[in-house]
Amino acid sequence: MKIIDLYDPARVNRIPDEIHVLFSSGNFLQDGFTISKVELRLYNEREDEKLGTFCLITSFVETDKGSIEMIYDEGFRGNDPLLRASEFLKSNLGISGLILRSVISLREKLT
């Protein structure tokens, strides 16, 4: 089961412009869910002459019970927004929080 947890799922109804894989080797157990992959995905949505590119960054977590894609950040984020977001998550122990949030949302959607 693939869950898109966005107020407008059509925003991610295409191939992402960029993907950063945060975790994909081995299996990680979180609250009864086996996590096999964690990604950040970038969707460029529109250009503004002064502000640059408006982008949507989503988190994608794949488990043994399904996958979920959720909003991580959005807005005019300047150059390399996906790289900066992934570096922030890696350096601030944010991946575990991202996984926990995803598992909670996935569990709610499955029940």
PDB file of N, CA and C in Angstrom:
ATOM      1  N   MET A   1       0.844  -1.176   0.000  1.00  0.00           N
ATOM      2  CA  MET A   1       0.000   0.000   0.000  1.00  0.00           C
ATOM      3  C   MET A   1       0.887   1.236   0.000  1.00  0.00           C
ATOM      4  N   LYS A   2       0.600   2.163  -0.905  1.00  0.00           N
ATOM      5  CA  LYS A   2       1.328   3.420  -0.967  1.00  0.00           C
ATOM      6  C   LYS A   2       0.406   4.545  -0.535  1.00  0.00           C
ATOM      7  N   ILE A   3       0.823   5.290   0.477  1.00  0.00           N
ATOM      8  CA  ILE A   3       0.020   6.384   1.011  1.00  0.00           C
ATOM      9  C   ILE A   3       0.704   7.706   0.689  1.00  0.00           C
ATOM     10  N   ILE A   4      -0.058   8.632   0.153  1.00  0.00           N
ATOM     11  CA  ILE A   4       0.412   9.998  -0.085  1.00  0.00           C
ATOM     12  C   ILE A   4      -0.307  10.870   0.933  1.00  0.00           C
ATOM     13  N   ASP A   5       0.423  11.358   1.921  1.00  0.00           N
ATOM     14  CA  ASP A   5      -0.161  12.148   2.997  1.00  0.00           C
ATOM     15  C   ASP A   5       0.078  13.633   2.734  1.00  0.00           C
ATOM     16  N   LEU A   6      -0.610  14.172   1.720  1.00  0.00           N
ATOM     17  CA  LEU A   6      -0.523  15.575   1.349  1.00  0.00           C
ATOM     18  C   LEU A   6      -1.932  16.100   1.146  1.00  0.00           C
ATOM     19  N   TYR A   7      -2.141  17.378   1.388  1.00  0.00           N
ATOM     20  CA  TYR A   7      -3.479  17.942   1.163  1.00  0.00           C
ATOM     21  C   TYR A   7      -3.835  17.936  -0.318  1.00  0.00           C
ATOM     22  N   ASP A   8      -2.832  17.931  -1.211  1.00  0.00           N
ATOM     23  CA  ASP A   8      -3.077  17.846  -2.648  1.00  0.00           C
ATOM     24  C   ASP A   8      -2.134  16.799  -3.243  1.00  0.00           C
ATOM     25  N   PRO A   9      -2.530  15.533  -3.248  1.00  0.00           N
ATOM     26  CA  PRO A   9      -1.659  14.459  -3.747  1.00  0.00           C
ATOM     27  C   PRO A   9      -1.209  14.636  -5.195  1.00  0.00           C
ATOM     28  N   ALA A  10      -1.921  15.423  -5.977  1.00  0.00           N
ATOM     29  CA  ALA A  10      -1.534  15.647  -7.371  1.00  0.00           C
ATOM     30  C   ALA A  10      -0.169  16.335  -7.480  1.00  0.00           C
ATOM     31  N   ARG A  11       0.257  16.995  -6.425  1.00  0.00           N
ATOM     32  CA  ARG A  11       1.553  17.680  -6.440  1.00  0.00           C
ATOM     33  C   ARG A  11       2.724  16.716  -6.614  1.00  0.00           C
ATOM     34  N   VAL A  12       2.523  15.459  -6.231  1.00  0.00           N
ATOM     35  CA  VAL A  12       3.600  14.471  -6.343  1.00  0.00           C
ATOM     36  C   VAL A  12       3.238  13.367  -7.335  1.00  0.00           C
ATOM     37  N   ASN A  13       2.321  13.650  -8.217  1.00  0.00           N
ATOM     38  CA  ASN A  13       1.880  12.668  -9.201  1.00  0.00           C
ATOM     39  C   ASN A  13       2.778  12.700 -10.437  1.00  0.00           C
ATOM     40  N   ARG A  14       4.083  12.685 -10.211  1.00  0.00           N
ATOM     41  CA  ARG A  14       5.087  12.693 -11.278  1.00  0.00           C
ATOM     42  C   ARG A  14       6.416  12.241 -10.704  1.00  0.00           C
ATOM     43  N   ILE A  15       7.380  12.067 -11.557  1.00  0.00           N
ATOM     44  CA  ILE A  15       8.724  11.686 -11.107  1.00  0.00           C
ATOM     45  C   ILE A  15       9.366  12.898 -10.435  1.00  0.00           C
ATOM     46  N   PRO A  16       9.969  12.713  -9.253  1.00  0.00           N
ATOM     47  CA  PRO A  16      10.621  13.839  -8.580  1.00  0.00           C
ATOM     48  C   PRO A  16      11.764  14.409  -9.431  1.00  0.00           C
ATOM     49  N   ASP A  17      12.029  15.685  -9.241  1.00  0.00           N
ATOM     50  CA  ASP A  17      13.140  16.319  -9.941  1.00  0.00           C
ATOM     51  C   ASP A  17      14.489  15.860  -9.391  1.00  0.00           C
ATOM     52  N   GLU A  18      14.492  15.477  -8.127  1.00  0.00           N
ATOM     53  CA  GLU A  18      15.730  15.002  -7.489  1.00  0.00           C
ATOM     54  C   GLU A  18      15.359  14.149  -6.289  1.00  0.00           C
ATOM     55  N   ILE A  19      16.204  13.166  -5.986  1.00  0.00           N
ATOM     56  CA  ILE A  19      15.996  12.288  -4.829  1.00  0.00           C
ATOM     57  C   ILE A  19      17.316  12.135  -4.088  1.00  0.00           C
ATOM     58  N   HIS A  20      17.270  12.253  -2.766  1.00  0.00           N
ATOM     59  CA  HIS A  20      18.419  11.931  -1.917  1.00  0.00           C
ATOM     60  C   HIS A  20      18.025  10.759  -1.038  1.00  0.00           C
ATOM     61  N   VAL A  21      18.755   9.675  -1.152  1.00  0.00           N
ATOM     62  CA  VAL A  21      18.503   8.496  -0.328  1.00  0.00           C
ATOM     63  C   VAL A  21      19.237   8.699   0.996  1.00  0.00           C
ATOM     64  N   LEU A  22      18.484   8.650   2.098  1.00  0.00           N
ATOM     65  CA  LEU A  22      19.070   8.817   3.426  1.00  0.00           C
ATOM     66  C   LEU A  22      19.399   7.475   4.074  1.00  0.00           C
ATOM     67  N   PHE A  23      18.634   6.453   3.707  1.00  0.00           N
ATOM     68  CA  PHE A  23      18.807   5.125   4.298  1.00  0.00           C
ATOM     69  C   PHE A  23      18.262   4.103   3.312  1.00  0.00           C
ATOM     70  N   SER A  24      19.072   3.101   2.988  1.00  0.00           N
ATOM     71  CA  SER A  24      18.571   2.061   2.092  1.00  0.00           C
ATOM     72  C   SER A  24      19.262   0.725   2.293  1.00  0.00           C
ATOM     73  N   SER A  25      20.234   0.655   3.153  1.00  0.00           N
ATOM     74  CA  SER A  25      20.971  -0.588   3.320  1.00  0.00           C
ATOM     75  C   SER A  25      20.517  -1.304   4.582  1.00  0.00           C
ATOM     76  N   GLY A  26      20.038  -2.507   4.409  1.00  0.00           N
ATOM     77  CA  GLY A  26      19.600  -3.279   5.563  1.00  0.00           C
ATOM     78  C   GLY A  26      18.192  -2.918   5.979  1.00  0.00           C
ATOM     79  N   ASN A  27      17.813  -3.433   7.123  1.00  0.00           N
ATOM     80  CA  ASN A  27      16.474  -3.193   7.649  1.00  0.00           C
ATOM     81  C   ASN A  27      16.568  -2.648   9.060  1.00  0.00           C
ATOM     82  N   PHE A  28      15.721  -1.709   9.360  1.00  0.00           N
ATOM     83  CA  PHE A  28      15.675  -1.025  10.640  1.00  0.00           C
ATOM     84  C   PHE A  28      14.281  -1.230  11.215  1.00  0.00           C
ATOM     85  N   LEU A  29      14.177  -1.649  12.440  1.00  0.00           N
ATOM     86  CA  LEU A  29      12.882  -1.927  13.055  1.00  0.00           C
ATOM     87  C   LEU A  29      12.435  -0.744  13.910  1.00  0.00           C
ATOM     88  N   GLN A  30      11.208  -0.270  13.663  1.00  0.00           N
ATOM     89  CA  GLN A  30      10.628   0.835  14.425  1.00  0.00           C
ATOM     90  C   GLN A  30       9.180   0.501  14.727  1.00  0.00           C
ATOM     91  N   ASP A  31       8.873   0.240  15.982  1.00  0.00           N
ATOM     92  CA  ASP A  31       7.498   0.001  16.434  1.00  0.00           C
ATOM     93  C   ASP A  31       6.762  -1.049  15.605  1.00  0.00           C
ATOM     94  N   GLY A  32       7.441  -2.140  15.296  1.00  0.00           N
ATOM     95  CA  GLY A  32       6.813  -3.224  14.550  1.00  0.00           C
ATOM     96  C   GLY A  32       6.839  -3.060  13.046  1.00  0.00           C
ATOM     97  N   PHE A  33       7.417  -1.992  12.546  1.00  0.00           N
ATOM     98  CA  PHE A  33       7.559  -1.754  11.109  1.00  0.00           C
ATOM     99  C   PHE A  33       9.032  -1.946  10.741  1.00  0.00           C
ATOM    100  N   THR A  34       9.296  -2.700   9.699  1.00  0.00           N
ATOM    101  CA  THR A  34      10.653  -2.846   9.200  1.00  0.00           C
ATOM    102  C   THR A  34      10.874  -1.806   8.109  1.00  0.00           C
ATOM    103  N   ILE A  35      11.782  -0.869   8.368  1.00  0.00           N
ATOM    104  CA  ILE A  35      12.060   0.233   7.457  1.00  0.00           C
ATOM    105  C   ILE A  35      13.147  -0.213   6.490  1.00  0.00           C
ATOM    106  N   SER A  36      12.867  -0.105   5.199  1.00  0.00           N
ATOM    107  CA  SER A  36      13.857  -0.527   4.205  1.00  0.00           C
ATOM    108  C   SER A  36      14.451   0.641   3.416  1.00  0.00           C
ATOM    109  N   LYS A  37      13.747   1.770   3.374  1.00  0.00           N
ATOM    110  CA  LYS A  37      14.265   2.905   2.609  1.00  0.00           C
ATOM    111  C   LYS A  37      13.695   4.210   3.150  1.00  0.00           C
ATOM    112  N   VAL A  38      14.556   5.232   3.199  1.00  0.00           N
ATOM    113  CA  VAL A  38      14.137   6.585   3.576  1.00  0.00           C
ATOM    114  C   VAL A  38      14.751   7.539   2.561  1.00  0.00           C
ATOM    115  N   GLU A  39      13.906   8.366   1.952  1.00  0.00           N
ATOM    116  CA  GLU A  39      14.369   9.313   0.938  1.00  0.00           C
ATOM    117  C   GLU A  39      13.772  10.690   1.199  1.00  0.00           C
ATOM    118  N   LEU A  40      14.472  11.702   0.698  1.00  0.00           N
ATOM    119  CA  LEU A  40      13.897  13.028   0.531  1.00  0.00           C
ATOM    120  C   LEU A  40      13.734  13.229  -0.962  1.00  0.00           C
ATOM    121  N   ARG A  41      12.583  13.777  -1.368  1.00  0.00           N
ATOM    122  CA  ARG A  41      12.284  13.983  -2.776  1.00  0.00           C
ATOM    123  C   ARG A  41      11.984  15.455  -3.031  1.00  0.00           C
ATOM    124  N   LEU A  42      12.517  15.966  -4.128  1.00  0.00           N
ATOM    125  CA  LEU A  42      12.341  17.365  -4.502  1.00  0.00           C
ATOM    126  C   LEU A  42      11.443  17.466  -5.723  1.00  0.00           C
ATOM    127  N   TYR A  43      10.426  18.304  -5.614  1.00  0.00           N
ATOM    128  CA  TYR A  43       9.531  18.611  -6.738  1.00  0.00           C
ATOM    129  C   TYR A  43       9.574  20.124  -6.952  1.00  0.00           C
ATOM    130  N   ASN A  44      10.174  20.563  -8.054  1.00  0.00           N
ATOM    131  CA  ASN A  44      10.168  21.985  -8.392  1.00  0.00           C
ATOM    132  C   ASN A  44       8.806  22.308  -8.981  1.00  0.00           C
ATOM    133  N   GLU A  45       8.157  23.339  -8.445  1.00  0.00           N
ATOM    134  CA  GLU A  45       6.783  23.627  -8.855  1.00  0.00           C
ATOM    135  C   GLU A  45       6.624  24.851  -9.739  1.00  0.00           C
ATOM    136  N   ARG A  46       7.304  25.933  -9.431  1.00  0.00           N
ATOM    137  CA  ARG A  46       7.166  27.134 -10.259  1.00  0.00           C
ATOM    138  C   ARG A  46       8.365  28.053 -10.027  1.00  0.00           C
ATOM    139  N   GLU A  47       8.517  28.959 -10.965  1.00  0.00           N
ATOM    140  CA  GLU A  47       9.616  29.928 -10.900  1.00  0.00           C
ATOM    141  C   GLU A  47       9.067  31.318 -10.619  1.00  0.00           C
ATOM    142  N   ASP A  48       9.782  32.053  -9.805  1.00  0.00           N
ATOM    143  CA  ASP A  48       9.478  33.458  -9.561  1.00  0.00           C
ATOM    144  C   ASP A  48      10.717  34.252  -9.954  1.00  0.00           C
ATOM    145  N   GLU A  49      10.508  35.339 -10.659  1.00  0.00           N
ATOM    146  CA  GLU A  49      11.624  36.134 -11.156  1.00  0.00           C
ATOM    147  C   GLU A  49      12.532  36.629 -10.034  1.00  0.00           C
ATOM    148  N   LYS A  50      11.965  37.005  -8.918  1.00  0.00           N
ATOM    149  CA  LYS A  50      12.757  37.549  -7.809  1.00  0.00           C
ATOM    150  C   LYS A  50      13.157  36.494  -6.775  1.00  0.00           C
ATOM    151  N   LEU A  51      12.245  35.568  -6.488  1.00  0.00           N
ATOM    152  CA  LEU A  51      12.470  34.619  -5.389  1.00  0.00           C
ATOM    153  C   LEU A  51      13.097  33.303  -5.815  1.00  0.00           C
ATOM    154  N   GLY A  52      13.071  33.004  -7.099  1.00  0.00           N
ATOM    155  CA  GLY A  52      13.646  31.752  -7.585  1.00  0.00           C
ATOM    156  C   GLY A  52      12.610  30.651  -7.705  1.00  0.00           C
ATOM    157  N   THR A  53      13.025  29.436  -7.419  1.00  0.00           N
ATOM    158  CA  THR A  53      12.170  28.264  -7.601  1.00  0.00           C
ATOM    159  C   THR A  53      11.397  27.947  -6.323  1.00  0.00           C
ATOM    160  N   PHE A  54      10.098  27.765  -6.487  1.00  0.00           N
ATOM    161  CA  PHE A  54       9.266  27.284  -5.381  1.00  0.00           C
ATOM    162  C   PHE A  54       9.309  25.768  -5.449  1.00  0.00           C
ATOM    163  N   CYS A  55       9.700  25.143  -4.345  1.00  0.00           N
ATOM    164  CA  CYS A  55       9.851  23.692  -4.363  1.00  0.00           C
ATOM    165  C   CYS A  55       9.105  23.038  -3.207  1.00  0.00           C
ATOM    166  N   LEU A  56       8.769  21.794  -3.438  1.00  0.00           N
ATOM    167  CA  LEU A  56       8.168  20.929  -2.431  1.00  0.00           C
ATOM    168  C   LEU A  56       9.173  19.838  -2.134  1.00  0.00           C
ATOM    169  N   ILE A  57       9.497  19.653  -0.869  1.00  0.00           N
ATOM    170  CA  ILE A  57      10.368  18.553  -0.449  1.00  0.00           C
ATOM    171  C   ILE A  57       9.515  17.603   0.371  1.00  0.00           C
ATOM    172  N   THR A  58       9.517  16.342  -0.032  1.00  0.00           N
ATOM    173  CA  THR A  58       8.760  15.324   0.690  1.00  0.00           C
ATOM    174  C   THR A  58       9.702  14.289   1.267  1.00  0.00           C
ATOM    175  N   SER A  59       9.219  13.622   2.297  1.00  0.00           N
ATOM    176  CA  SER A  59       9.922  12.451   2.821  1.00  0.00           C
ATOM    177  C   SER A  59       9.187  11.222   2.303  1.00  0.00           C
ATOM    178  N   PHE A  60       9.939  10.199   1.972  1.00  0.00           N
ATOM    179  CA  PHE A  60       9.369   8.940   1.509  1.00  0.00           C
ATOM    180  C   PHE A  60       9.977   7.837   2.365  1.00  0.00           C
ATOM    181  N   VAL A  61       9.115   7.070   3.034  1.00  0.00           N
ATOM    182  CA  VAL A  61       9.578   5.960   3.885  1.00  0.00           C
ATOM    183  C   VAL A  61       8.897   4.692   3.403  1.00  0.00           C
ATOM    184  N   GLU A  62       9.712   3.695   3.110  1.00  0.00           N
ATOM    185  CA  GLU A  62       9.212   2.402   2.651  1.00  0.00           C
ATOM    186  C   GLU A  62       9.388   1.378   3.770  1.00  0.00           C
ATOM    187  N   THR A  63       8.303   0.660   4.086  1.00  0.00           N
ATOM    188  CA  THR A  63       8.330  -0.343   5.145  1.00  0.00           C
ATOM    189  C   THR A  63       7.788  -1.671   4.615  1.00  0.00           C
ATOM    190  N   ASP A  64       7.815  -2.668   5.474  1.00  0.00           N
ATOM    191  CA  ASP A  64       7.261  -3.973   5.110  1.00  0.00           C
ATOM    192  C   ASP A  64       5.732  -3.947   5.053  1.00  0.00           C
ATOM    193  N   LYS A  65       5.103  -2.904   5.595  1.00  0.00           N
ATOM    194  CA  LYS A  65       3.642  -2.810   5.620  1.00  0.00           C
ATOM    195  C   LYS A  65       3.087  -1.739   4.697  1.00  0.00           C
ATOM    196  N   GLY A  66       3.947  -1.127   3.920  1.00  0.00           N
ATOM    197  CA  GLY A  66       3.526  -0.092   2.992  1.00  0.00           C
ATOM    198  C   GLY A  66       4.513   1.059   2.980  1.00  0.00           C
ATOM    199  N   SER A  67       4.254   2.030   2.133  1.00  0.00           N
ATOM    200  CA  SER A  67       5.116   3.208   2.054  1.00  0.00           C
ATOM    201  C   SER A  67       4.263   4.455   2.241  1.00  0.00           C
ATOM    202  N   ILE A  68       4.940   5.535   2.639  1.00  0.00           N
ATOM    203  CA  ILE A  68       4.238   6.799   2.860  1.00  0.00           C
ATOM    204  C   ILE A  68       5.124   7.938   2.385  1.00  0.00           C
ATOM    205  N   GLU A  69       4.501   8.898   1.707  1.00  0.00           N
ATOM    206  CA  GLU A  69       5.181  10.117   1.278  1.00  0.00           C
ATOM    207  C   GLU A  69       4.456  11.292   1.911  1.00  0.00           C
ATOM    208  N   MET A  70       5.222  12.155   2.591  1.00  0.00           N
ATOM    209  CA  MET A  70       4.641  13.274   3.332  1.00  0.00           C
ATOM    210  C   MET A  70       5.442  14.549   3.067  1.00  0.00           C
ATOM    211  N   ILE A  71       4.816  15.696   3.278  1.00  0.00           N
ATOM    212  CA  ILE A  71       5.519  16.971   3.146  1.00  0.00           C
ATOM    213  C   ILE A  71       6.598  17.065   4.217  1.00  0.00           C
ATOM    214  N   TYR A  72       7.787  17.440   3.792  1.00  0.00           N
ATOM    215  CA  TYR A  72       8.866  17.755   4.721  1.00  0.00           C
ATOM    216  C   TYR A  72       9.048  19.268   4.795  1.00  0.00           C
ATOM    217  N   ASP A  73       9.076  19.930   3.627  1.00  0.00           N
ATOM    218  CA  ASP A  73       9.265  21.380   3.582  1.00  0.00           C
ATOM    219  C   ASP A  73       8.779  21.883   2.222  1.00  0.00           C
ATOM    220  N   GLU A  74       8.461  23.144   2.145  1.00  0.00           N
ATOM    221  CA  GLU A  74       8.103  23.746   0.870  1.00  0.00           C
ATOM    222  C   GLU A  74       8.344  25.234   0.926  1.00  0.00           C
ATOM    223  N   GLY A  75       8.568  25.807  -0.240  1.00  0.00           N
ATOM    224  CA  GLY A  75       8.766  27.245  -0.327  1.00  0.00           C
ATOM    225  C   GLY A  75       9.909  27.600  -1.257  1.00  0.00           C
ATOM    226  N   PHE A  76      10.296  28.853  -1.231  1.00  0.00           N
ATOM    227  CA  PHE A  76      11.444  29.327  -1.991  1.00  0.00           C
ATOM    228  C   PHE A  76      12.671  29.084  -1.114  1.00  0.00           C
ATOM    229  N   ARG A  77      13.461  28.082  -1.440  1.00  0.00           N
ATOM    230  CA  ARG A  77      14.540  27.631  -0.567  1.00  0.00           C
ATOM    231  C   ARG A  77      15.938  27.854  -1.113  1.00  0.00           C
ATOM    232  N   GLY A  78      16.072  28.593  -2.205  1.00  0.00           N
ATOM    233  CA  GLY A  78      17.398  28.915  -2.728  1.00  0.00           C
ATOM    234  C   GLY A  78      18.053  27.746  -3.441  1.00  0.00           C
ATOM    235  N   ASN A  79      19.377  27.802  -3.503  1.00  0.00           N
ATOM    236  CA  ASN A  79      20.150  26.788  -4.209  1.00  0.00           C
ATOM    237  C   ASN A  79      20.288  25.503  -3.404  1.00  0.00           C
ATOM    238  N   ASP A  80      20.249  24.382  -4.077  1.00  0.00           N
ATOM    239  CA  ASP A  80      20.438  23.046  -3.479  1.00  0.00           C
ATOM    240  C   ASP A  80      19.580  22.792  -2.238  1.00  0.00           C
ATOM    241  N   PRO A  81      18.285  23.022  -2.310  1.00  0.00           N
ATOM    242  CA  PRO A  81      17.454  22.840  -1.114  1.00  0.00           C
ATOM    243  C   PRO A  81      17.412  21.393  -0.620  1.00  0.00           C
ATOM    244  N   LEU A  82      17.474  20.434  -1.521  1.00  0.00           N
ATOM    245  CA  LEU A  82      17.409  19.033  -1.105  1.00  0.00           C
ATOM    246  C   LEU A  82      18.696  18.619  -0.399  1.00  0.00           C
ATOM    247  N   LEU A  83      19.817  19.038  -0.909  1.00  0.00           N
ATOM    248  CA  LEU A  83      21.105  18.738  -0.274  1.00  0.00           C
ATOM    249  C   LEU A  83      21.167  19.349   1.124  1.00  0.00           C
ATOM    250  N   ARG A  84      20.740  20.590   1.259  1.00  0.00           N
ATOM    251  CA  ARG A  84      20.768  21.242   2.570  1.00  0.00           C
ATOM    252  C   ARG A  84      19.818  20.567   3.554  1.00  0.00           C
ATOM    253  N   ALA A  85      18.643  20.160   3.087  1.00  0.00           N
ATOM    254  CA  ALA A  85      17.686  19.474   3.963  1.00  0.00           C
ATOM    255  C   ALA A  85      18.233  18.121   4.407  1.00  0.00           C
ATOM    256  N   SER A  86      18.835  17.376   3.499  1.00  0.00           N
ATOM    257  CA  SER A  86      19.354  16.058   3.873  1.00  0.00           C
ATOM    258  C   SER A  86      20.551  16.190   4.813  1.00  0.00           C
ATOM    259  N   GLU A  87      21.414  17.168   4.599  1.00  0.00           N
ATOM    260  CA  GLU A  87      22.544  17.394   5.511  1.00  0.00           C
ATOM    261  C   GLU A  87      22.051  17.792   6.895  1.00  0.00           C
ATOM    262  N   PHE A  88      21.007  18.614   6.953  1.00  0.00           N
ATOM    263  CA  PHE A  88      20.433  19.002   8.236  1.00  0.00           C
ATOM    264  C   PHE A  88      19.909  17.775   8.985  1.00  0.00           C
ATOM    265  N   LEU A  89      19.166  16.924   8.292  1.00  0.00           N
ATOM    266  CA  LEU A  89      18.622  15.716   8.927  1.00  0.00           C
ATOM    267  C   LEU A  89      19.731  14.801   9.433  1.00  0.00           C
ATOM    268  N   LYS A  90      20.762  14.618   8.636  1.00  0.00           N
ATOM    269  CA  LYS A  90      21.860  13.725   9.013  1.00  0.00           C
ATOM    270  C   LYS A  90      22.654  14.264  10.198  1.00  0.00           C
ATOM    271  N   SER A  91      22.848  15.566  10.255  1.00  0.00           N
ATOM    272  CA  SER A  91      23.686  16.135  11.306  1.00  0.00           C
ATOM    273  C   SER A  91      22.935  16.402  12.606  1.00  0.00           C
ATOM    274  N   ASN A  92      21.611  16.351  12.588  1.00  0.00           N
ATOM    275  CA  ASN A  92      20.828  16.672  13.783  1.00  0.00           C
ATOM    276  C   ASN A  92      19.939  15.519  14.246  1.00  0.00           C
ATOM    277  N   LEU A  93      20.297  14.304  13.911  1.00  0.00           N
ATOM    278  CA  LEU A  93      19.539  13.113  14.308  1.00  0.00           C
ATOM    279  C   LEU A  93      18.081  13.199  13.870  1.00  0.00           C
ATOM    280  N   GLY A  94      17.838  13.887  12.768  1.00  0.00           N
ATOM    281  CA  GLY A  94      16.477  14.074  12.292  1.00  0.00           C
ATOM    282  C   GLY A  94      15.893  12.881  11.573  1.00  0.00           C
ATOM    283  N   ILE A  95      16.735  11.959  11.129  1.00  0.00           N
ATOM    284  CA  ILE A  95      16.228  10.802  10.397  1.00  0.00           C
ATOM    285  C   ILE A  95      15.348   9.943  11.296  1.00  0.00           C
ATOM    286  N   SER A  96      15.744   9.755  12.542  1.00  0.00           N
ATOM    287  CA  SER A  96      14.931   8.937  13.446  1.00  0.00           C
ATOM    288  C   SER A  96      13.573   9.583  13.702  1.00  0.00           C
ATOM    289  N   GLY A  97      13.536  10.896  13.849  1.00  0.00           N
ATOM    290  CA  GLY A  97      12.266  11.603  14.024  1.00  0.00           C
ATOM    291  C   GLY A  97      11.390  11.513  12.792  1.00  0.00           C
ATOM    292  N   LEU A  98      12.018  11.596  11.640  1.00  0.00           N
ATOM    293  CA  LEU A  98      11.296  11.473  10.376  1.00  0.00           C
ATOM    294  C   LEU A  98      10.684  10.079  10.241  1.00  0.00           C
ATOM    295  N   ILE A  99      11.450   9.056  10.605  1.00  0.00           N
ATOM    296  CA  ILE A  99      10.953   7.676  10.549  1.00  0.00           C
ATOM    297  C   ILE A  99       9.798   7.494  11.526  1.00  0.00           C
ATOM    298  N   LEU A 100       9.947   7.975  12.742  1.00  0.00           N
ATOM    299  CA  LEU A 100       8.895   7.829  13.750  1.00  0.00           C
ATOM    300  C   LEU A 100       7.603   8.522  13.301  1.00  0.00           C
ATOM    301  N   ARG A 101       7.723   9.739  12.796  1.00  0.00           N
ATOM    302  CA  ARG A 101       6.549  10.477  12.299  1.00  0.00           C
ATOM    303  C   ARG A 101       5.870   9.708  11.168  1.00  0.00           C
ATOM    304  N   SER A 102       6.658   9.132  10.284  1.00  0.00           N
ATOM    305  CA  SER A 102       6.116   8.368   9.158  1.00  0.00           C
ATOM    306  C   SER A 102       5.414   7.102   9.622  1.00  0.00           C
ATOM    307  N   VAL A 103       6.017   6.404  10.584  1.00  0.00           N
ATOM    308  CA  VAL A 103       5.417   5.175  11.110  1.00  0.00           C
ATOM    309  C   VAL A 103       4.092   5.476  11.804  1.00  0.00           C
ATOM    310  N   ILE A 104       4.043   6.560  12.565  1.00  0.00           N
ATOM    311  CA  ILE A 104       2.801   6.948  13.241  1.00  0.00           C
ATOM    312  C   ILE A 104       1.714   7.242  12.210  1.00  0.00           C
ATOM    313  N   SER A 105       2.052   8.015  11.184  1.00  0.00           N
ATOM    314  CA  SER A 105       1.060   8.323  10.141  1.00  0.00           C
ATOM    315  C   SER A 105       0.653   7.079   9.367  1.00  0.00           C
ATOM    316  N   LEU A 106       1.599   6.216   9.066  1.00  0.00           N
ATOM    317  CA  LEU A 106       1.295   4.996   8.333  1.00  0.00           C
ATOM    318  C   LEU A 106       0.379   4.085   9.155  1.00  0.00           C
ATOM    319  N   ARG A 107       0.661   3.966  10.443  1.00  0.00           N
ATOM    320  CA  ARG A 107      -0.176   3.151  11.320  1.00  0.00           C
ATOM    321  C   ARG A 107      -1.608   3.696  11.365  1.00  0.00           C
ATOM    322  N   GLU A 108      -1.758   5.023  11.470  1.00  0.00           N
ATOM    323  CA  GLU A 108      -3.095   5.641  11.486  1.00  0.00           C
ATOM    324  C   GLU A 108      -3.849   5.358  10.191  1.00  0.00           C
ATOM    325  N   LYS A 109      -3.174   5.421   9.065  1.00  0.00           N
ATOM    326  CA  LYS A 109      -3.827   5.219   7.777  1.00  0.00           C
ATOM    327  C   LYS A 109      -4.204   3.741   7.562  1.00  0.00           C
ATOM    328  N   LEU A 110      -3.440   2.830   8.153  1.00  0.00           N
ATOM    329  CA  LEU A 110      -3.690   1.409   7.968  1.00  0.00           C
ATOM    330  C   LEU A 110      -4.817   0.879   8.866  1.00  0.00           C
ATOM    331  N   THR A 111      -5.136   1.613   9.947  1.00  0.00           N
ATOM    332  CA  THR A 111      -6.195   1.131  10.856  1.00  0.00           C
ATOM    333  C   THR A 111      -7.520   1.776  10.573  1.00  0.00           C
TER     334      THR A 111
END
